[in-house]
Every structure is written in C-alpha cells, then in structure tokens.
N, C-alpha and C. Protein backbone atom coordinates (compact mmCIF):
# COMPACT_ATOMS: atom_id res chain seq x y z
N MET A 1 -110.79 -155.71 205.34
CA MET A 1 -111.48 -156.05 204.12
C MET A 1 -112.87 -155.47 204.19
N SER A 2 -113.26 -154.80 203.15
CA SER A 2 -114.61 -154.22 203.11
C SER A 2 -115.38 -154.87 201.97
N LEU A 3 -116.67 -155.08 202.21
CA LEU A 3 -117.53 -155.71 201.22
C LEU A 3 -118.41 -154.65 200.58
N ASN A 4 -118.69 -154.83 199.29
CA ASN A 4 -119.60 -153.89 198.63
C ASN A 4 -121.05 -154.27 198.97
N GLY A 5 -122.00 -153.58 198.40
CA GLY A 5 -123.43 -153.77 198.76
C GLY A 5 -123.93 -155.18 198.53
N ARG A 6 -123.68 -155.74 197.36
CA ARG A 6 -124.20 -157.09 197.07
C ARG A 6 -123.52 -158.13 197.95
N ALA A 7 -122.20 -157.98 198.18
CA ALA A 7 -121.49 -158.94 199.01
C ALA A 7 -121.96 -158.84 200.47
N GLN A 8 -122.26 -157.63 200.92
CA GLN A 8 -122.76 -157.47 202.29
C GLN A 8 -124.13 -158.13 202.44
N THR A 9 -124.97 -157.97 201.43
CA THR A 9 -126.31 -158.60 201.48
C THR A 9 -126.18 -160.11 201.50
N THR A 10 -125.29 -160.64 200.67
CA THR A 10 -125.10 -162.10 200.62
C THR A 10 -124.55 -162.61 201.94
N ALA A 11 -123.57 -161.88 202.52
CA ALA A 11 -122.99 -162.29 203.80
C ALA A 11 -124.06 -162.24 204.91
N ALA A 12 -124.89 -161.19 204.89
CA ALA A 12 -125.96 -161.09 205.91
C ALA A 12 -126.96 -162.24 205.76
N ALA A 13 -127.30 -162.58 204.52
CA ALA A 13 -128.21 -163.72 204.31
C ALA A 13 -127.56 -165.00 204.78
N GLY A 14 -126.27 -165.14 204.57
CA GLY A 14 -125.55 -166.34 205.03
C GLY A 14 -125.55 -166.44 206.54
N VAL A 15 -125.35 -165.29 207.21
CA VAL A 15 -125.36 -165.29 208.68
C VAL A 15 -126.77 -165.64 209.19
N ALA A 16 -127.78 -165.13 208.52
CA ALA A 16 -129.17 -165.45 208.94
C ALA A 16 -129.45 -166.93 208.75
N LEU A 17 -129.02 -167.49 207.60
CA LEU A 17 -129.21 -168.93 207.38
C LEU A 17 -128.44 -169.76 208.40
N LEU A 18 -127.22 -169.27 208.73
CA LEU A 18 -126.41 -169.99 209.72
C LEU A 18 -127.13 -170.01 211.07
N ALA A 19 -127.66 -168.88 211.44
CA ALA A 19 -128.38 -168.81 212.72
C ALA A 19 -129.61 -169.73 212.70
N MET A 20 -130.31 -169.70 211.58
CA MET A 20 -131.49 -170.55 211.46
C MET A 20 -131.11 -172.03 211.50
N GLY A 21 -130.02 -172.38 210.77
CA GLY A 21 -129.60 -173.78 210.73
C GLY A 21 -129.15 -174.27 212.10
N LEU A 22 -128.40 -173.44 212.82
CA LEU A 22 -127.97 -173.84 214.17
C LEU A 22 -129.18 -174.01 215.12
N THR A 23 -130.12 -173.08 214.97
CA THR A 23 -131.32 -173.16 215.81
C THR A 23 -132.08 -174.45 215.53
N MET A 24 -132.22 -174.78 214.22
CA MET A 24 -132.94 -176.02 213.87
C MET A 24 -132.19 -177.25 214.35
N SER A 25 -130.86 -177.22 214.26
CA SER A 25 -130.07 -178.38 214.70
C SER A 25 -130.21 -178.59 216.21
N VAL A 26 -130.10 -177.53 216.96
CA VAL A 26 -130.19 -177.63 218.42
C VAL A 26 -131.60 -178.07 218.82
N GLU A 27 -132.62 -177.50 218.18
CA GLU A 27 -134.00 -177.87 218.50
C GLU A 27 -134.24 -179.34 218.16
N GLY A 28 -133.66 -179.81 217.01
CA GLY A 28 -133.81 -181.21 216.63
C GLY A 28 -133.13 -182.14 217.61
N LEU A 29 -132.01 -181.72 218.18
CA LEU A 29 -131.33 -182.54 219.19
C LEU A 29 -132.14 -182.64 220.48
N PHE A 30 -132.72 -181.51 220.90
CA PHE A 30 -133.48 -181.52 222.14
C PHE A 30 -134.76 -182.32 221.98
N ARG A 31 -135.39 -182.30 220.82
CA ARG A 31 -136.64 -183.00 220.60
C ARG A 31 -136.42 -184.40 220.05
N SER A 32 -135.19 -184.75 219.82
CA SER A 32 -134.83 -186.06 219.25
C SER A 32 -135.48 -186.25 217.90
N ASP A 33 -135.50 -185.16 217.15
CA ASP A 33 -136.02 -185.21 215.77
C ASP A 33 -134.82 -185.19 214.83
N VAL A 34 -134.52 -186.37 214.28
CA VAL A 34 -133.32 -186.53 213.44
C VAL A 34 -133.48 -185.74 212.15
N SER A 35 -134.63 -185.70 211.56
CA SER A 35 -134.79 -184.99 210.30
C SER A 35 -134.59 -183.49 210.48
N ARG A 36 -135.12 -182.96 211.59
CA ARG A 36 -134.94 -181.55 211.84
C ARG A 36 -133.46 -181.25 212.11
N SER A 37 -132.75 -182.13 212.81
CA SER A 37 -131.32 -181.96 213.08
C SER A 37 -130.52 -181.98 211.79
N LEU A 38 -130.84 -182.96 210.93
CA LEU A 38 -130.14 -183.05 209.64
C LEU A 38 -130.44 -181.85 208.77
N GLY A 39 -131.64 -181.39 208.74
CA GLY A 39 -132.01 -180.19 207.98
C GLY A 39 -131.27 -178.97 208.50
N GLY A 40 -131.16 -178.86 209.84
CA GLY A 40 -130.43 -177.74 210.45
C GLY A 40 -128.94 -177.80 210.11
N ILE A 41 -128.36 -179.00 210.15
CA ILE A 41 -126.94 -179.16 209.82
C ILE A 41 -126.72 -178.83 208.35
N SER A 42 -127.62 -179.29 207.49
CA SER A 42 -127.50 -178.98 206.05
C SER A 42 -127.59 -177.49 205.82
N LEU A 43 -128.53 -176.83 206.49
CA LEU A 43 -128.69 -175.38 206.37
C LEU A 43 -127.46 -174.66 206.92
N THR A 44 -126.87 -175.16 207.98
CA THR A 44 -125.65 -174.56 208.56
C THR A 44 -124.47 -174.70 207.61
N VAL A 45 -124.30 -175.89 207.03
CA VAL A 45 -123.20 -176.11 206.08
C VAL A 45 -123.38 -175.22 204.85
N THR A 46 -124.62 -175.11 204.37
CA THR A 46 -124.90 -174.25 203.21
C THR A 46 -124.59 -172.80 203.55
N ALA A 47 -124.99 -172.36 204.74
CA ALA A 47 -124.71 -170.97 205.16
C ALA A 47 -123.21 -170.73 205.29
N LEU A 48 -122.48 -171.66 205.88
CA LEU A 48 -121.02 -171.50 206.01
C LEU A 48 -120.34 -171.47 204.63
N THR A 49 -120.84 -172.31 203.73
CA THR A 49 -120.29 -172.31 202.36
C THR A 49 -120.57 -170.99 201.70
N LEU A 50 -121.79 -170.47 201.84
CA LEU A 50 -122.14 -169.18 201.25
C LEU A 50 -121.28 -168.05 201.82
N ILE A 51 -121.11 -168.04 203.14
CA ILE A 51 -120.28 -167.00 203.76
C ILE A 51 -118.82 -167.14 203.31
N GLY A 52 -118.32 -168.36 203.28
CA GLY A 52 -116.93 -168.60 202.84
C GLY A 52 -116.71 -168.17 201.39
N LEU A 53 -117.65 -168.54 200.52
CA LEU A 53 -117.51 -168.13 199.11
C LEU A 53 -117.59 -166.62 198.96
N THR A 54 -118.42 -165.97 199.79
CA THR A 54 -118.53 -164.51 199.73
C THR A 54 -117.19 -163.87 200.11
N PHE A 55 -116.58 -164.35 201.17
CA PHE A 55 -115.28 -163.79 201.57
C PHE A 55 -114.18 -164.14 200.56
N ILE A 56 -114.21 -165.34 200.03
CA ILE A 56 -113.21 -165.72 199.01
C ILE A 56 -113.36 -164.83 197.78
N ARG A 57 -114.63 -164.60 197.39
CA ARG A 57 -114.86 -163.72 196.22
C ARG A 57 -114.36 -162.31 196.50
N SER A 58 -114.58 -161.84 197.72
CA SER A 58 -114.13 -160.48 198.04
C SER A 58 -112.59 -160.42 198.04
N TRP A 59 -111.92 -161.49 198.45
CA TRP A 59 -110.46 -161.50 198.40
C TRP A 59 -109.97 -161.50 196.95
N ILE A 60 -110.68 -162.27 196.12
CA ILE A 60 -110.27 -162.36 194.70
C ILE A 60 -110.58 -161.05 193.98
N VAL A 61 -111.78 -160.50 194.26
CA VAL A 61 -112.22 -159.31 193.54
C VAL A 61 -111.57 -158.04 194.09
N ASP A 62 -111.14 -158.07 195.34
CA ASP A 62 -110.55 -156.87 195.93
C ASP A 62 -109.19 -156.61 195.27
N THR A 63 -109.15 -155.55 194.48
CA THR A 63 -107.92 -155.23 193.73
C THR A 63 -107.35 -153.89 194.18
N ARG A 64 -107.68 -153.46 195.38
CA ARG A 64 -107.18 -152.16 195.85
C ARG A 64 -105.66 -152.15 195.94
N ASP A 65 -105.07 -153.21 196.48
CA ASP A 65 -103.61 -153.26 196.59
C ASP A 65 -102.96 -153.28 195.21
N GLU A 66 -103.56 -154.09 194.33
CA GLU A 66 -103.00 -154.16 192.98
C GLU A 66 -103.14 -152.83 192.24
N ARG A 67 -104.28 -152.16 192.46
CA ARG A 67 -104.47 -150.86 191.82
C ARG A 67 -103.49 -149.83 192.37
N ARG A 68 -103.26 -149.90 193.67
CA ARG A 68 -102.29 -148.99 194.27
C ARG A 68 -100.88 -149.28 193.71
N ASP A 69 -100.52 -150.56 193.60
CA ASP A 69 -99.23 -150.93 193.01
C ASP A 69 -99.15 -150.48 191.55
N LEU A 70 -100.25 -150.65 190.82
CA LEU A 70 -100.28 -150.22 189.42
C LEU A 70 -100.10 -148.71 189.32
N ALA A 71 -100.77 -147.97 190.22
CA ALA A 71 -100.63 -146.52 190.19
C ALA A 71 -99.18 -146.11 190.47
N HIS A 72 -98.55 -146.77 191.44
CA HIS A 72 -97.14 -146.47 191.72
C HIS A 72 -96.25 -146.83 190.52
N ALA A 73 -96.52 -147.97 189.91
CA ALA A 73 -95.74 -148.38 188.74
C ALA A 73 -95.92 -147.40 187.58
N GLN A 74 -97.16 -146.94 187.41
CA GLN A 74 -97.41 -145.96 186.34
C GLN A 74 -96.70 -144.64 186.63
N GLN A 75 -96.69 -144.24 187.88
CA GLN A 75 -95.97 -143.01 188.24
C GLN A 75 -94.47 -143.16 187.99
N ARG A 76 -93.91 -144.32 188.37
CA ARG A 76 -92.48 -144.55 188.11
C ARG A 76 -92.20 -144.58 186.61
N ALA A 77 -93.08 -145.24 185.86
CA ALA A 77 -92.89 -145.31 184.40
C ALA A 77 -92.97 -143.91 183.78
N GLU A 78 -93.90 -143.10 184.26
CA GLU A 78 -94.02 -141.72 183.74
C GLU A 78 -92.77 -140.91 184.09
N ALA A 79 -92.26 -141.10 185.31
CA ALA A 79 -91.04 -140.38 185.71
C ALA A 79 -89.86 -140.83 184.84
N GLU A 80 -89.77 -142.14 184.59
CA GLU A 80 -88.69 -142.64 183.73
C GLU A 80 -88.85 -142.12 182.30
N ARG A 81 -90.08 -142.05 181.82
CA ARG A 81 -90.32 -141.53 180.47
C ARG A 81 -89.90 -140.07 180.38
N ARG A 82 -90.28 -139.29 181.41
CA ARG A 82 -89.86 -137.89 181.41
C ARG A 82 -88.34 -137.77 181.45
N THR A 83 -87.70 -138.61 182.26
CA THR A 83 -86.23 -138.60 182.32
C THR A 83 -85.64 -138.97 180.97
N TYR A 84 -86.22 -139.99 180.34
CA TYR A 84 -85.73 -140.42 179.02
C TYR A 84 -85.90 -139.31 177.99
N VAL A 85 -87.07 -138.66 178.00
CA VAL A 85 -87.32 -137.59 177.02
C VAL A 85 -86.35 -136.44 177.25
N SER A 86 -86.14 -136.07 178.51
CA SER A 86 -85.21 -134.96 178.79
C SER A 86 -83.78 -135.35 178.44
N ALA A 87 -83.39 -136.60 178.71
CA ALA A 87 -82.04 -137.05 178.34
C ALA A 87 -81.88 -137.09 176.82
N LYS A 88 -82.92 -137.51 176.13
CA LYS A 88 -82.87 -137.54 174.66
C LYS A 88 -82.76 -136.13 174.10
N ALA A 89 -83.51 -135.19 174.67
CA ALA A 89 -83.43 -133.80 174.22
C ALA A 89 -82.04 -133.23 174.49
N ALA A 90 -81.48 -133.54 175.65
CA ALA A 90 -80.12 -133.07 175.97
C ALA A 90 -79.11 -133.68 175.01
N LEU A 91 -79.28 -134.96 174.69
CA LEU A 91 -78.37 -135.62 173.76
C LEU A 91 -78.47 -135.00 172.37
N GLU A 92 -79.68 -134.74 171.91
CA GLU A 92 -79.85 -134.11 170.60
C GLU A 92 -79.25 -132.71 170.60
N SER A 93 -79.42 -131.98 171.68
CA SER A 93 -78.84 -130.64 171.78
C SER A 93 -77.31 -130.73 171.75
N GLU A 94 -76.76 -131.66 172.50
CA GLU A 94 -75.31 -131.82 172.52
C GLU A 94 -74.78 -132.27 171.16
N THR A 95 -75.51 -133.16 170.50
CA THR A 95 -75.11 -133.60 169.16
C THR A 95 -75.13 -132.44 168.18
N GLY A 96 -76.15 -131.60 168.26
CA GLY A 96 -76.22 -130.42 167.40
C GLY A 96 -75.07 -129.46 167.67
N ARG A 97 -74.76 -129.28 168.95
CA ARG A 97 -73.65 -128.40 169.31
C ARG A 97 -72.33 -128.95 168.78
N LEU A 98 -72.11 -130.25 168.97
CA LEU A 98 -70.88 -130.87 168.47
C LEU A 98 -70.79 -130.79 166.96
N ASN A 99 -71.91 -131.03 166.27
CA ASN A 99 -71.90 -130.92 164.81
C ASN A 99 -71.57 -129.49 164.38
N HIS A 100 -72.13 -128.52 165.08
CA HIS A 100 -71.83 -127.13 164.76
C HIS A 100 -70.34 -126.84 164.98
N GLU A 101 -69.78 -127.31 166.11
CA GLU A 101 -68.36 -127.11 166.39
C GLU A 101 -67.49 -127.79 165.33
N VAL A 102 -67.88 -129.00 164.93
CA VAL A 102 -67.11 -129.71 163.91
C VAL A 102 -67.16 -128.95 162.59
N ASN A 103 -68.32 -128.43 162.23
CA ASN A 103 -68.43 -127.66 160.97
C ASN A 103 -67.59 -126.39 161.03
N VAL A 104 -67.60 -125.72 162.19
CA VAL A 104 -66.79 -124.51 162.34
C VAL A 104 -65.30 -124.88 162.23
N GLU A 105 -64.92 -125.97 162.88
CA GLU A 105 -63.52 -126.41 162.83
C GLU A 105 -63.12 -126.79 161.41
N ARG A 106 -64.00 -127.48 160.69
CA ARG A 106 -63.71 -127.83 159.29
C ARG A 106 -63.51 -126.58 158.44
N ALA A 107 -64.37 -125.58 158.64
CA ALA A 107 -64.24 -124.34 157.88
C ALA A 107 -62.91 -123.66 158.23
N HIS A 108 -62.57 -123.66 159.50
CA HIS A 108 -61.30 -123.06 159.91
C HIS A 108 -60.12 -123.80 159.29
N VAL A 109 -60.15 -125.13 159.34
CA VAL A 109 -59.08 -125.94 158.75
C VAL A 109 -59.00 -125.70 157.25
N ALA A 110 -60.14 -125.63 156.59
CA ALA A 110 -60.15 -125.39 155.14
C ALA A 110 -59.54 -124.03 154.81
N SER A 111 -59.91 -122.98 155.57
CA SER A 111 -59.35 -121.66 155.31
C SER A 111 -57.86 -121.64 155.62
N THR A 112 -57.45 -122.31 156.68
CA THR A 112 -56.03 -122.40 157.01
C THR A 112 -55.27 -123.13 155.91
N LEU A 113 -55.85 -124.20 155.42
CA LEU A 113 -55.22 -124.98 154.34
C LEU A 113 -55.07 -124.13 153.09
N ILE A 114 -56.08 -123.36 152.75
CA ILE A 114 -56.02 -122.51 151.55
C ILE A 114 -54.93 -121.46 151.73
N SER A 115 -54.88 -120.82 152.89
CA SER A 115 -53.86 -119.79 153.11
C SER A 115 -52.46 -120.40 153.13
N GLU A 116 -52.31 -121.60 153.72
CA GLU A 116 -51.01 -122.28 153.72
C GLU A 116 -50.59 -122.64 152.30
N ARG A 117 -51.52 -123.11 151.51
CA ARG A 117 -51.20 -123.44 150.11
C ARG A 117 -50.77 -122.19 149.35
N GLN A 118 -51.48 -121.09 149.56
CA GLN A 118 -51.11 -119.85 148.89
C GLN A 118 -49.72 -119.39 149.32
N ARG A 119 -49.44 -119.48 150.60
CA ARG A 119 -48.13 -119.08 151.11
C ARG A 119 -47.05 -119.98 150.53
N MET A 120 -47.29 -121.30 150.52
CA MET A 120 -46.30 -122.24 149.96
C MET A 120 -46.12 -122.01 148.47
N ARG A 121 -47.19 -121.72 147.76
CA ARG A 121 -47.10 -121.44 146.33
C ARG A 121 -46.25 -120.20 146.10
N ALA A 122 -46.45 -119.13 146.92
CA ALA A 122 -45.66 -117.91 146.79
C ALA A 122 -44.19 -118.19 147.09
N GLU A 123 -43.92 -118.98 148.14
CA GLU A 123 -42.54 -119.35 148.45
C GLU A 123 -41.92 -120.14 147.31
N PHE A 124 -42.70 -121.08 146.76
CA PHE A 124 -42.20 -121.89 145.65
C PHE A 124 -41.87 -121.01 144.44
N GLU A 125 -42.77 -120.10 144.13
CA GLU A 125 -42.54 -119.22 142.98
C GLU A 125 -41.32 -118.34 143.21
N GLU A 126 -41.16 -117.84 144.44
CA GLU A 126 -40.00 -117.01 144.75
C GLU A 126 -38.71 -117.82 144.63
N GLU A 127 -38.72 -119.03 145.19
CA GLU A 127 -37.53 -119.89 145.10
C GLU A 127 -37.25 -120.27 143.65
N ARG A 128 -38.27 -120.56 142.92
CA ARG A 128 -38.11 -120.90 141.50
C ARG A 128 -37.52 -119.72 140.73
N LEU A 129 -37.99 -118.53 141.02
CA LEU A 129 -37.46 -117.33 140.37
C LEU A 129 -35.98 -117.15 140.70
N GLN A 130 -35.61 -117.39 141.97
CA GLN A 130 -34.21 -117.26 142.36
C GLN A 130 -33.35 -118.30 141.65
N ILE A 131 -33.83 -119.55 141.58
CA ILE A 131 -33.07 -120.61 140.90
C ILE A 131 -32.94 -120.29 139.42
N THR A 132 -34.03 -119.83 138.80
CA THR A 132 -33.99 -119.47 137.38
C THR A 132 -33.01 -118.33 137.16
N THR A 133 -33.04 -117.35 138.03
CA THR A 133 -32.14 -116.20 137.90
C THR A 133 -30.68 -116.65 138.05
N GLU A 134 -30.42 -117.50 139.04
CA GLU A 134 -29.06 -118.00 139.23
C GLU A 134 -28.60 -118.82 138.04
N ALA A 135 -29.48 -119.67 137.49
CA ALA A 135 -29.11 -120.49 136.34
C ALA A 135 -28.83 -119.60 135.14
N PHE A 136 -29.64 -118.58 134.93
CA PHE A 136 -29.41 -117.67 133.81
C PHE A 136 -28.10 -116.92 134.00
N ARG A 137 -27.84 -116.44 135.22
CA ARG A 137 -26.60 -115.73 135.51
C ARG A 137 -25.40 -116.64 135.28
N THR A 138 -25.49 -117.89 135.73
CA THR A 138 -24.40 -118.84 135.54
C THR A 138 -24.18 -119.08 134.05
N GLY A 139 -25.26 -119.22 133.29
CA GLY A 139 -25.14 -119.43 131.84
C GLY A 139 -24.47 -118.23 131.17
N VAL A 140 -24.85 -117.04 131.58
CA VAL A 140 -24.24 -115.83 131.01
C VAL A 140 -22.76 -115.78 131.34
N GLU A 141 -22.44 -116.08 132.59
CA GLU A 141 -21.02 -116.05 132.98
C GLU A 141 -20.23 -117.11 132.22
N MET A 142 -20.80 -118.29 132.01
CA MET A 142 -20.10 -119.33 131.25
C MET A 142 -19.93 -118.90 129.80
N GLU A 143 -20.91 -118.23 129.25
CA GLU A 143 -20.81 -117.74 127.88
C GLU A 143 -19.72 -116.68 127.78
N ARG A 144 -19.67 -115.79 128.73
CA ARG A 144 -18.65 -114.74 128.72
C ARG A 144 -17.25 -115.32 128.89
N SER A 145 -17.13 -116.39 129.64
CA SER A 145 -15.82 -116.99 129.84
C SER A 145 -15.39 -117.84 128.65
N GLY A 146 -16.30 -118.09 127.72
CA GLY A 146 -15.97 -118.83 126.52
C GLY A 146 -16.17 -120.32 126.65
N ALA A 147 -16.91 -120.79 127.56
CA ALA A 147 -17.10 -122.21 127.75
C ALA A 147 -17.95 -122.82 126.65
N PHE A 148 -18.76 -122.02 125.95
CA PHE A 148 -19.66 -122.57 124.94
C PHE A 148 -19.16 -122.31 123.51
N ARG A 149 -17.93 -121.84 123.32
CA ARG A 149 -17.43 -121.56 121.96
C ARG A 149 -17.03 -122.85 121.29
N ARG A 150 -17.44 -123.03 119.99
CA ARG A 150 -17.17 -124.26 119.25
C ARG A 150 -15.97 -124.10 118.32
N ASP A 151 -15.59 -122.93 118.03
CA ASP A 151 -14.52 -122.74 117.06
C ASP A 151 -13.15 -123.11 117.60
N GLU A 152 -12.97 -123.18 118.87
CA GLU A 152 -11.69 -123.59 119.43
C GLU A 152 -11.66 -125.11 119.52
N PRO A 153 -10.51 -125.71 119.12
CA PRO A 153 -10.42 -127.16 119.21
C PRO A 153 -10.34 -127.60 120.69
N ALA A 154 -10.90 -128.73 120.92
CA ALA A 154 -10.87 -129.26 122.27
C ALA A 154 -9.48 -129.80 122.56
N MET A 155 -9.07 -129.68 123.76
CA MET A 155 -7.74 -130.17 124.14
C MET A 155 -7.80 -131.69 124.22
N PRO A 156 -6.72 -132.33 123.67
CA PRO A 156 -6.74 -133.79 123.74
C PRO A 156 -6.60 -134.27 125.17
N ALA A 157 -7.24 -135.38 125.43
CA ALA A 157 -7.20 -135.95 126.77
C ALA A 157 -5.88 -136.66 126.97
N ASN A 158 -5.43 -136.68 128.16
CA ASN A 158 -4.17 -137.31 128.51
C ASN A 158 -4.48 -138.65 129.13
N LEU A 159 -4.32 -139.74 128.38
CA LEU A 159 -4.66 -141.07 128.87
C LEU A 159 -3.41 -141.78 129.36
N ILE A 160 -3.52 -142.51 130.39
CA ILE A 160 -2.41 -143.30 130.91
C ILE A 160 -2.57 -144.69 130.33
N GLN A 161 -1.49 -145.18 129.68
CA GLN A 161 -1.50 -146.50 129.07
C GLN A 161 -0.96 -147.51 130.07
N PHE A 162 -1.67 -148.60 130.21
CA PHE A 162 -1.22 -149.67 131.08
C PHE A 162 -0.44 -150.67 130.24
N PRO A 163 0.58 -151.31 130.83
CA PRO A 163 1.32 -152.30 130.04
C PRO A 163 0.41 -153.46 129.68
N LYS A 164 0.68 -154.06 128.52
CA LYS A 164 -0.15 -155.18 128.08
C LYS A 164 0.14 -156.37 128.96
N GLN A 165 -0.92 -156.94 129.41
CA GLN A 165 -0.77 -158.10 130.27
C GLN A 165 -1.28 -159.30 129.49
N GLU A 166 -0.52 -160.38 129.62
CA GLU A 166 -0.93 -161.60 128.95
C GLU A 166 -1.82 -162.37 129.91
N PRO A 167 -2.83 -163.04 129.35
CA PRO A 167 -3.70 -163.80 130.24
C PRO A 167 -2.93 -164.94 130.91
N SER A 168 -3.30 -165.26 132.11
CA SER A 168 -2.61 -166.33 132.84
C SER A 168 -3.01 -167.68 132.27
N ARG A 169 -2.21 -168.68 132.63
CA ARG A 169 -2.41 -170.02 132.11
C ARG A 169 -3.75 -170.60 132.59
N SER A 170 -4.15 -170.34 133.77
CA SER A 170 -5.41 -170.89 134.29
C SER A 170 -6.60 -170.31 133.53
N GLU A 171 -6.50 -169.00 133.11
CA GLU A 171 -7.58 -168.40 132.34
C GLU A 171 -7.68 -169.05 130.97
N GLN A 172 -6.49 -169.36 130.36
CA GLN A 172 -6.48 -170.02 129.04
C GLN A 172 -7.08 -171.40 129.15
N HIS A 173 -6.73 -172.13 130.21
CA HIS A 173 -7.24 -173.49 130.40
C HIS A 173 -8.76 -173.46 130.64
N ALA A 174 -9.24 -172.47 131.36
CA ALA A 174 -10.68 -172.34 131.62
C ALA A 174 -11.42 -172.03 130.33
N ARG A 175 -10.83 -171.20 129.47
CA ARG A 175 -11.49 -170.86 128.21
C ARG A 175 -11.56 -172.07 127.29
N SER A 176 -10.58 -172.93 127.33
CA SER A 176 -10.57 -174.08 126.43
C SER A 176 -11.68 -175.05 126.78
N ARG A 177 -12.17 -174.99 127.99
CA ARG A 177 -13.22 -175.93 128.36
C ARG A 177 -14.62 -175.33 128.19
N GLU A 178 -14.70 -174.10 127.79
CA GLU A 178 -16.01 -173.50 127.59
C GLU A 178 -16.73 -174.16 126.44
N HIS A 179 -18.00 -174.03 126.41
CA HIS A 179 -18.83 -174.63 125.36
C HIS A 179 -18.57 -173.94 124.03
N GLY A 180 -18.32 -174.70 123.04
CA GLY A 180 -18.13 -174.17 121.70
C GLY A 180 -16.71 -173.70 121.42
N VAL A 181 -15.76 -173.88 122.32
CA VAL A 181 -14.39 -173.44 122.11
C VAL A 181 -13.57 -174.66 121.66
N VAL A 182 -12.87 -174.43 120.59
CA VAL A 182 -12.01 -175.50 120.07
C VAL A 182 -10.61 -175.19 120.55
N GLY A 183 -9.97 -176.13 121.13
CA GLY A 183 -8.63 -175.87 121.61
C GLY A 183 -8.01 -177.12 122.18
N PRO A 184 -6.75 -177.00 122.67
CA PRO A 184 -6.03 -178.18 123.16
C PRO A 184 -6.63 -178.77 124.41
C-alpha cells in the first residue's frame, strides 16, 4: 500500500504525536505525575486514531485494483463489441447474399414457368387442332355415308312385348289401405 503526499504527511504527524505521547506517558510514570501520564496516554490514543484513520482512508481511497479490473472489463467489453459488430456485418452480408440468390431463383422459376406455359399452350393447340380435324373428318365421313339424310324414313324399332301381368292380391290389399283410396 502506498500513500500519497497528504496521507504521508498525516501519517508522519501521527507517528510524531505517538512518539511524543509515549514519551510523556513514560516520563509521567517515572515522575509519578498523573496528569502528565494521562496527557501522554491521550496524545498516544489520538495519534493511533489518526494513524489508523489514515490507513483506513488509504484502503478506501485506493482504487488501483478496481481500476485495473475496470480496465480489463472495458477491454473485454470492447472485444465483445468488435465481435458483435463483425458478426452483425457477416450476418448482413449473408442475408444479402441469400436474398440475391432467392431473387435469382425466383427469376429462374418465373422464366421456367413462362416457357412451360408456352410449351403446354402449344401442345394444347396442337391437340385441339388434331381433335377438331378428326371431328370434322368423322362428320364428313358420316355425311358421305348418309347418316344425316332426312328424306329417308327411319326404320321402325323392334320392341319386345311382355305378357300382361295382373297385380297380385297382396298389392291390391295394400292399395286399398292407402290414404284416400276407396275400396273393400
């Protein structure tokens, strides 16, 4: 522990008072002078209190360890801040790269979708043309075969006649019980 100028002066004055108080106390004991002994003891206690308070103040005021700890903490905080800033910059760079890749992929998908739609539209039109051509050809062939001529009478249909069946007795009995039916 080191004392600054004022604390050193105060401590030196305390040591001088202590020496004086001890000298007065011892001299008062040898001469049997109670007042001088009490004065010396009082001066000794005052000097010890002054020296003690000086050292206590120096312990309280001495902030070298705390300043050293603060400097280390500030260095760690600065290192963490630099790490955070560099990580944030890397994250922003990566986000920009990913956004660029996503935009490129979207453009690629959009162009692929447009080309696929055009290809499907061409296939659809080609298939539609083939179906239309086949339908027209079929219509022409049916016309040539005479399927659409109205002047010829249609041939009568040949229907099979079923023998007349009489309703069974249970059906007649069920009908007689229906609502609104008059019967036996």
